[in-house]
Amino acid sequence: MPVVRSFAPIADVSARLLILGSMPGIESLRTGQYYAHPRNAFWRIMGDLVGASPEMPYAARTRRLKKAGIAVWDVLAACAREGSLDAAIDRRSIIANDLVSFLARRPDIRHVFFNGATAERCFRVHVQPALEAGALKLVRLPSTSPAHAARAYADKLQAWRVILEPLAEKQK
């Protein structure tokens, strides 16, 4: 089974919230861009919420997220996986990203949003035990993956609106 490795986060020191996926899919790894699969709803949702639409060049989208106070990364630094599906991850092969140091360098991040159940599960097993208890608000959101097609786009968008709350706190 091939080992896949994630890449650098979208983040700067002014981030107010963190969105965590599990591990980039094949198309994202090929292009070096988060959520690159054309049917993944992530950029469409970010377009509707903060103006980082999929029609924009990738660099412009990432700048828009940073300006809004959003950081994006993955829980996993590496794992063995066939294809793109989270279900194919060999749990024994998981190596987590150093989220403890990442969060220590960004003290304004108080909210972590998980893009799906696998990201949340991996965080709770591989990262959360090393963090200060209760320091972060943790919220699982419906996956934006095209593999999670049981939920309509409008429902996903409505659920993802919760990320606007900590961004509004920034303005206060």
C-alpha atoms as a PDB file:
ATOM      1  CA  MET A   1       0.000   0.000   0.000  1.00  0.00           C
ATOM      2  CA  PRO A   2       1.509   3.381  -0.955  1.00  0.00           C
ATOM      3  CA  VAL A   3       2.416   5.928   1.713  1.00  0.00           C
ATOM      4  CA  VAL A   4       1.000   9.400   1.076  1.00  0.00           C
ATOM      5  CA  ARG A   5       2.159  12.625   2.721  1.00  0.00           C
ATOM      6  CA  SER A   6       0.271  15.845   3.238  1.00  0.00           C
ATOM      7  CA  PHE A   7       1.712  19.280   2.600  1.00  0.00           C
ATOM      8  CA  ALA A   8       2.126  22.643   4.305  1.00  0.00           C
ATOM      9  CA  PRO A   9      -0.869  24.340   5.888  1.00  0.00           C
ATOM     10  CA  ILE A  10      -2.657  27.414   4.610  1.00  0.00           C
ATOM     11  CA  ALA A  11      -2.056  29.671   7.591  1.00  0.00           C
ATOM     12  CA  ASP A  12      -0.555  32.791   9.011  1.00  0.00           C
ATOM     13  CA  VAL A  13      -0.104  34.006  12.578  1.00  0.00           C
ATOM     14  CA  SER A  14      -3.383  35.939  12.566  1.00  0.00           C
ATOM     15  CA  ALA A  15      -5.564  32.819  12.131  1.00  0.00           C
ATOM     16  CA  ARG A  16      -8.647  32.675  14.373  1.00  0.00           C
ATOM     17  CA  LEU A  17      -9.871  29.209  13.423  1.00  0.00           C
ATOM     18  CA  LEU A  18      -8.502  26.022  11.951  1.00  0.00           C
ATOM     19  CA  ILE A  19     -10.222  23.695   9.497  1.00  0.00           C
ATOM     20  CA  LEU A  20      -8.744  20.205   9.532  1.00  0.00           C
ATOM     21  CA  GLY A  21      -9.140  17.503   6.948  1.00  0.00           C
ATOM     22  CA  SER A  22      -7.719  14.014   7.292  1.00  0.00           C
ATOM     23  CA  MET A  23      -5.306  13.562   4.348  1.00  0.00           C
ATOM     24  CA  PRO A  24      -5.405  15.170   0.894  1.00  0.00           C
ATOM     25  CA  GLY A  25      -6.869  13.032  -1.866  1.00  0.00           C
ATOM     26  CA  ILE A  26      -5.014  11.964  -4.983  1.00  0.00           C
ATOM     27  CA  GLU A  27      -5.937  15.068  -7.009  1.00  0.00           C
ATOM     28  CA  SER A  28      -4.915  17.392  -4.179  1.00  0.00           C
ATOM     29  CA  LEU A  29      -1.597  15.579  -3.730  1.00  0.00           C
ATOM     30  CA  ARG A  30      -0.980  15.690  -7.483  1.00  0.00           C
ATOM     31  CA  THR A  31      -1.593  19.449  -7.701  1.00  0.00           C
ATOM     32  CA  GLY A  32      -0.304  20.450  -4.258  1.00  0.00           C
ATOM     33  CA  GLN A  33      -3.612  22.199  -3.615  1.00  0.00           C
ATOM     34  CA  TYR A  34      -6.105  21.575  -0.865  1.00  0.00           C
ATOM     35  CA  TYR A  35      -9.492  20.213  -1.952  1.00  0.00           C
ATOM     36  CA  ALA A  36      -8.520  20.064  -5.633  1.00  0.00           C
ATOM     37  CA  HIS A  37     -11.070  17.452  -6.711  1.00  0.00           C
ATOM     38  CA  PRO A  38     -13.568  19.373  -8.867  1.00  0.00           C
ATOM     39  CA  ARG A  39     -16.574  17.812  -7.086  1.00  0.00           C
ATOM     40  CA  ASN A  40     -15.306  18.563  -3.589  1.00  0.00           C
ATOM     41  CA  ALA A  41     -17.570  21.267  -2.141  1.00  0.00           C
ATOM     42  CA  PHE A  42     -14.931  22.921   0.073  1.00  0.00           C
ATOM     43  CA  TRP A  43     -14.045  25.843  -2.216  1.00  0.00           C
ATOM     44  CA  ARG A  44     -17.664  26.353  -3.237  1.00  0.00           C
ATOM     45  CA  ILE A  45     -18.572  26.627   0.461  1.00  0.00           C
ATOM     46  CA  MET A  46     -15.617  28.951   1.137  1.00  0.00           C
ATOM     47  CA  GLY A  47     -16.758  31.032  -1.811  1.00  0.00           C
ATOM     48  CA  ASP A  48     -20.242  31.375  -0.405  1.00  0.00           C
ATOM     49  CA  LEU A  49     -19.006  32.104   3.137  1.00  0.00           C
ATOM     50  CA  VAL A  50     -15.864  34.237   2.739  1.00  0.00           C
ATOM     51  CA  GLY A  51     -15.481  34.925  -0.978  1.00  0.00           C
ATOM     52  CA  ALA A  52     -12.775  32.305  -1.703  1.00  0.00           C
ATOM     53  CA  SER A  53     -14.619  30.846  -4.691  1.00  0.00           C
ATOM     54  CA  PRO A  54     -13.345  27.992  -6.858  1.00  0.00           C
ATOM     55  CA  GLU A  55     -13.298  30.313  -9.880  1.00  0.00           C
ATOM     56  CA  MET A  56     -10.432  32.287  -8.334  1.00  0.00           C
ATOM     57  CA  PRO A  57      -6.824  31.186  -8.834  1.00  0.00           C
ATOM     58  CA  TYR A  58      -5.679  28.943  -5.981  1.00  0.00           C
ATOM     59  CA  ALA A  59      -3.216  31.534  -4.613  1.00  0.00           C
ATOM     60  CA  ALA A  60      -5.993  34.142  -4.450  1.00  0.00           C
ATOM     61  CA  ARG A  61      -8.271  31.687  -2.619  1.00  0.00           C
ATOM     62  CA  THR A  62      -5.616  30.930  -0.026  1.00  0.00           C
ATOM     63  CA  ARG A  63      -4.930  34.655   0.478  1.00  0.00           C
ATOM     64  CA  ARG A  64      -8.668  35.208   0.980  1.00  0.00           C
ATOM     65  CA  LEU A  65      -8.806  32.489   3.647  1.00  0.00           C
ATOM     66  CA  LYS A  66      -5.813  33.945   5.472  1.00  0.00           C
ATOM     67  CA  LYS A  67      -7.288  37.443   5.329  1.00  0.00           C
ATOM     68  CA  ALA A  68     -10.531  36.074   6.809  1.00  0.00           C
ATOM     69  CA  GLY A  69      -8.595  34.462   9.680  1.00  0.00           C
ATOM     70  CA  ILE A  70      -8.949  30.866   8.488  1.00  0.00           C
ATOM     71  CA  ALA A  71      -6.170  28.270   8.584  1.00  0.00           C
ATOM     72  CA  VAL A  72      -6.452  24.928   6.761  1.00  0.00           C
ATOM     73  CA  TRP A  73      -4.392  21.812   7.335  1.00  0.00           C
ATOM     74  CA  ASP A  74      -4.728  18.070   7.741  1.00  0.00           C
ATOM     75  CA  VAL A  75      -4.515  15.977  10.877  1.00  0.00           C
ATOM     76  CA  LEU A  76      -2.310  13.414   9.159  1.00  0.00           C
ATOM     77  CA  ALA A  77       1.227  14.071   7.977  1.00  0.00           C
ATOM     78  CA  ALA A  78       1.493  10.602   6.430  1.00  0.00           C
ATOM     79  CA  CYS A  79      -0.335   7.309   6.144  1.00  0.00           C
ATOM     80  CA  ALA A  80      -0.614   4.257   3.935  1.00  0.00           C
ATOM     81  CA  ARG A  81      -3.665   4.479   1.706  1.00  0.00           C
ATOM     82  CA  GLU A  82      -4.867   3.139  -1.634  1.00  0.00           C
ATOM     83  CA  GLY A  83      -6.799   5.804  -3.552  1.00  0.00           C
ATOM     84  CA  SER A  84      -8.386   8.862  -1.932  1.00  0.00           C
ATOM     85  CA  LEU A  85     -10.988   7.513   0.468  1.00  0.00           C
ATOM     86  CA  ASP A  86     -10.522   7.955   4.215  1.00  0.00           C
ATOM     87  CA  ALA A  87     -11.892   4.453   4.674  1.00  0.00           C
ATOM     88  CA  ALA A  88      -8.794   3.109   2.884  1.00  0.00           C
ATOM     89  CA  ILE A  89      -6.333   4.607   5.413  1.00  0.00           C
ATOM     90  CA  ASP A  90      -4.342   1.937   7.236  1.00  0.00           C
ATOM     91  CA  ARG A  91      -4.810   3.166  10.822  1.00  0.00           C
ATOM     92  CA  ARG A  92      -1.577   1.453  11.921  1.00  0.00           C
ATOM     93  CA  SER A  93       0.396   3.661   9.516  1.00  0.00           C
ATOM     94  CA  ILE A  94      -0.869   7.038  10.744  1.00  0.00           C
ATOM     95  CA  ILE A  95       1.630   9.779  11.540  1.00  0.00           C
ATOM     96  CA  ALA A  96      -0.007  12.994  12.737  1.00  0.00           C
ATOM     97  CA  ASN A  97       1.086  16.507  11.845  1.00  0.00           C
ATOM     98  CA  ASP A  98       2.591  18.511  14.723  1.00  0.00           C
ATOM     99  CA  LEU A  99      -0.623  20.334  15.527  1.00  0.00           C
ATOM    100  CA  VAL A 100       0.466  21.007  19.109  1.00  0.00           C
ATOM    101  CA  SER A 101       3.340  23.239  17.902  1.00  0.00           C
ATOM    102  CA  PHE A 102       1.196  24.683  15.123  1.00  0.00           C
ATOM    103  CA  LEU A 103      -1.462  25.773  17.606  1.00  0.00           C
ATOM    104  CA  ALA A 104       1.125  27.057  20.099  1.00  0.00           C
ATOM    105  CA  ARG A 105       2.411  29.431  17.388  1.00  0.00           C
ATOM    106  CA  ARG A 106      -1.133  30.636  16.706  1.00  0.00           C
ATOM    107  CA  PRO A 107      -2.639  31.438  20.112  1.00  0.00           C
ATOM    108  CA  ASP A 108      -5.686  33.176  18.606  1.00  0.00           C
ATOM    109  CA  ILE A 109      -6.996  29.859  17.254  1.00  0.00           C
ATOM    110  CA  ARG A 110      -9.668  28.807  19.725  1.00  0.00           C
ATOM    111  CA  HIS A 111     -11.911  26.877  17.307  1.00  0.00           C
ATOM    112  CA  VAL A 112     -11.074  23.758  15.317  1.00  0.00           C
ATOM    113  CA  PHE A 113     -13.533  22.549  12.701  1.00  0.00           C
ATOM    114  CA  PHE A 114     -13.198  19.061  11.262  1.00  0.00           C
ATOM    115  CA  ASN A 115     -14.018  18.408   7.629  1.00  0.00           C
ATOM    116  CA  GLY A 116     -15.653  15.066   8.308  1.00  0.00           C
ATOM    117  CA  ALA A 117     -15.589  12.254  10.841  1.00  0.00           C
ATOM    118  CA  THR A 118     -12.168  10.796  10.003  1.00  0.00           C
ATOM    119  CA  ALA A 119     -10.413  14.100  10.635  1.00  0.00           C
ATOM    120  CA  GLU A 120     -12.146  14.385  13.998  1.00  0.00           C
ATOM    121  CA  ARG A 121     -11.420  10.793  14.998  1.00  0.00           C
ATOM    122  CA  CYS A 122      -7.744  11.044  14.063  1.00  0.00           C
ATOM    123  CA  PHE A 123      -7.384  14.354  15.924  1.00  0.00           C
ATOM    124  CA  ARG A 124      -8.995  12.960  19.073  1.00  0.00           C
ATOM    125  CA  VAL A 125      -6.729   9.887  19.035  1.00  0.00           C
ATOM    126  CA  HIS A 126      -3.404  11.312  17.803  1.00  0.00           C
ATOM    127  CA  VAL A 127      -3.426  15.007  18.811  1.00  0.00           C
ATOM    128  CA  GLN A 128      -5.929  15.896  21.521  1.00  0.00           C
ATOM    129  CA  PRO A 129      -4.220  13.905  24.319  1.00  0.00           C
ATOM    130  CA  ALA A 130      -1.189  16.236  24.034  1.00  0.00           C
ATOM    131  CA  LEU A 131      -3.279  19.421  24.228  1.00  0.00           C
ATOM    132  CA  GLU A 132      -4.478  21.352  27.261  1.00  0.00           C
ATOM    133  CA  ALA A 133      -7.920  20.058  28.162  1.00  0.00           C
ATOM    134  CA  GLY A 134     -10.726  22.383  27.113  1.00  0.00           C
ATOM    135  CA  ALA A 135      -8.435  24.870  25.394  1.00  0.00           C
ATOM    136  CA  LEU A 136     -10.196  24.535  22.040  1.00  0.00           C
ATOM    137  CA  LYS A 137     -13.774  24.357  20.830  1.00  0.00           C
ATOM    138  CA  LEU A 138     -13.940  21.278  18.575  1.00  0.00           C
ATOM    139  CA  VAL A 139     -16.723  20.928  16.001  1.00  0.00           C
ATOM    140  CA  ARG A 140     -17.213  18.228  13.367  1.00  0.00           C
ATOM    141  CA  LEU A 141     -18.753  19.457  10.121  1.00  0.00           C
ATOM    142  CA  PRO A 142     -20.124  17.344   7.275  1.00  0.00           C
ATOM    143  CA  SER A 143     -17.426  16.269   4.878  1.00  0.00           C
ATOM    144  CA  THR A 144     -17.109  18.310   1.701  1.00  0.00           C
ATOM    145  CA  SER A 145     -15.840  15.231  -0.140  1.00  0.00           C
ATOM    146  CA  PRO A 146     -17.724  14.017  -3.205  1.00  0.00           C
ATOM    147  CA  ALA A 147     -17.757  10.610  -1.459  1.00  0.00           C
ATOM    148  CA  HIS A 148     -20.124  12.167   1.111  1.00  0.00           C
ATOM    149  CA  ALA A 149     -22.905  12.752  -1.401  1.00  0.00           C
ATOM    150  CA  ALA A 150     -25.784  11.753   0.873  1.00  0.00           C
ATOM    151  CA  ARG A 151     -26.130  15.349   2.057  1.00  0.00           C
ATOM    152  CA  ALA A 152     -27.214  18.108  -0.334  1.00  0.00           C
ATOM    153  CA  TYR A 153     -24.972  21.108  -0.928  1.00  0.00           C
ATOM    154  CA  ALA A 154     -27.464  23.495   0.718  1.00  0.00           C
ATOM    155  CA  ASP A 155     -27.425  21.371   3.887  1.00  0.00           C
ATOM    156  CA  LYS A 156     -23.624  21.271   3.947  1.00  0.00           C
ATOM    157  CA  LEU A 157     -23.434  25.026   3.433  1.00  0.00           C
ATOM    158  CA  GLN A 158     -25.888  25.631   6.257  1.00  0.00           C
ATOM    159  CA  ALA A 159     -23.870  23.426   8.616  1.00  0.00           C
ATOM    160  CA  TRP A 160     -20.600  25.123   7.618  1.00  0.00           C
ATOM    161  CA  ARG A 161     -22.010  28.589   8.440  1.00  0.00           C
ATOM    162  CA  VAL A 162     -20.924  27.925  12.032  1.00  0.00           C
ATOM    163  CA  ILE A 163     -17.374  28.921  11.063  1.00  0.00           C
ATOM    164  CA  LEU A 164     -18.584  32.511  10.668  1.00  0.00           C
ATOM    165  CA  GLU A 165     -19.173  32.863  14.431  1.00  0.00           C
ATOM    166  CA  PRO A 166     -15.491  32.911  15.514  1.00  0.00           C
ATOM    167  CA  LEU A 167     -14.668  35.092  12.505  1.00  0.00           C
ATOM    168  CA  ALA A 168     -17.267  37.628  13.682  1.00  0.00           C
ATOM    169  CA  GLU A 169     -15.632  37.575  17.145  1.00  0.00           C
ATOM    170  CA  LYS A 170     -12.480  38.868  15.451  1.00  0.00           C
ATOM    171  CA  GLN A 171     -14.330  42.060  14.547  1.00  0.00           C
ATOM    172  CA  LYS A 172     -15.436  42.778  18.135  1.00  0.00           C
END
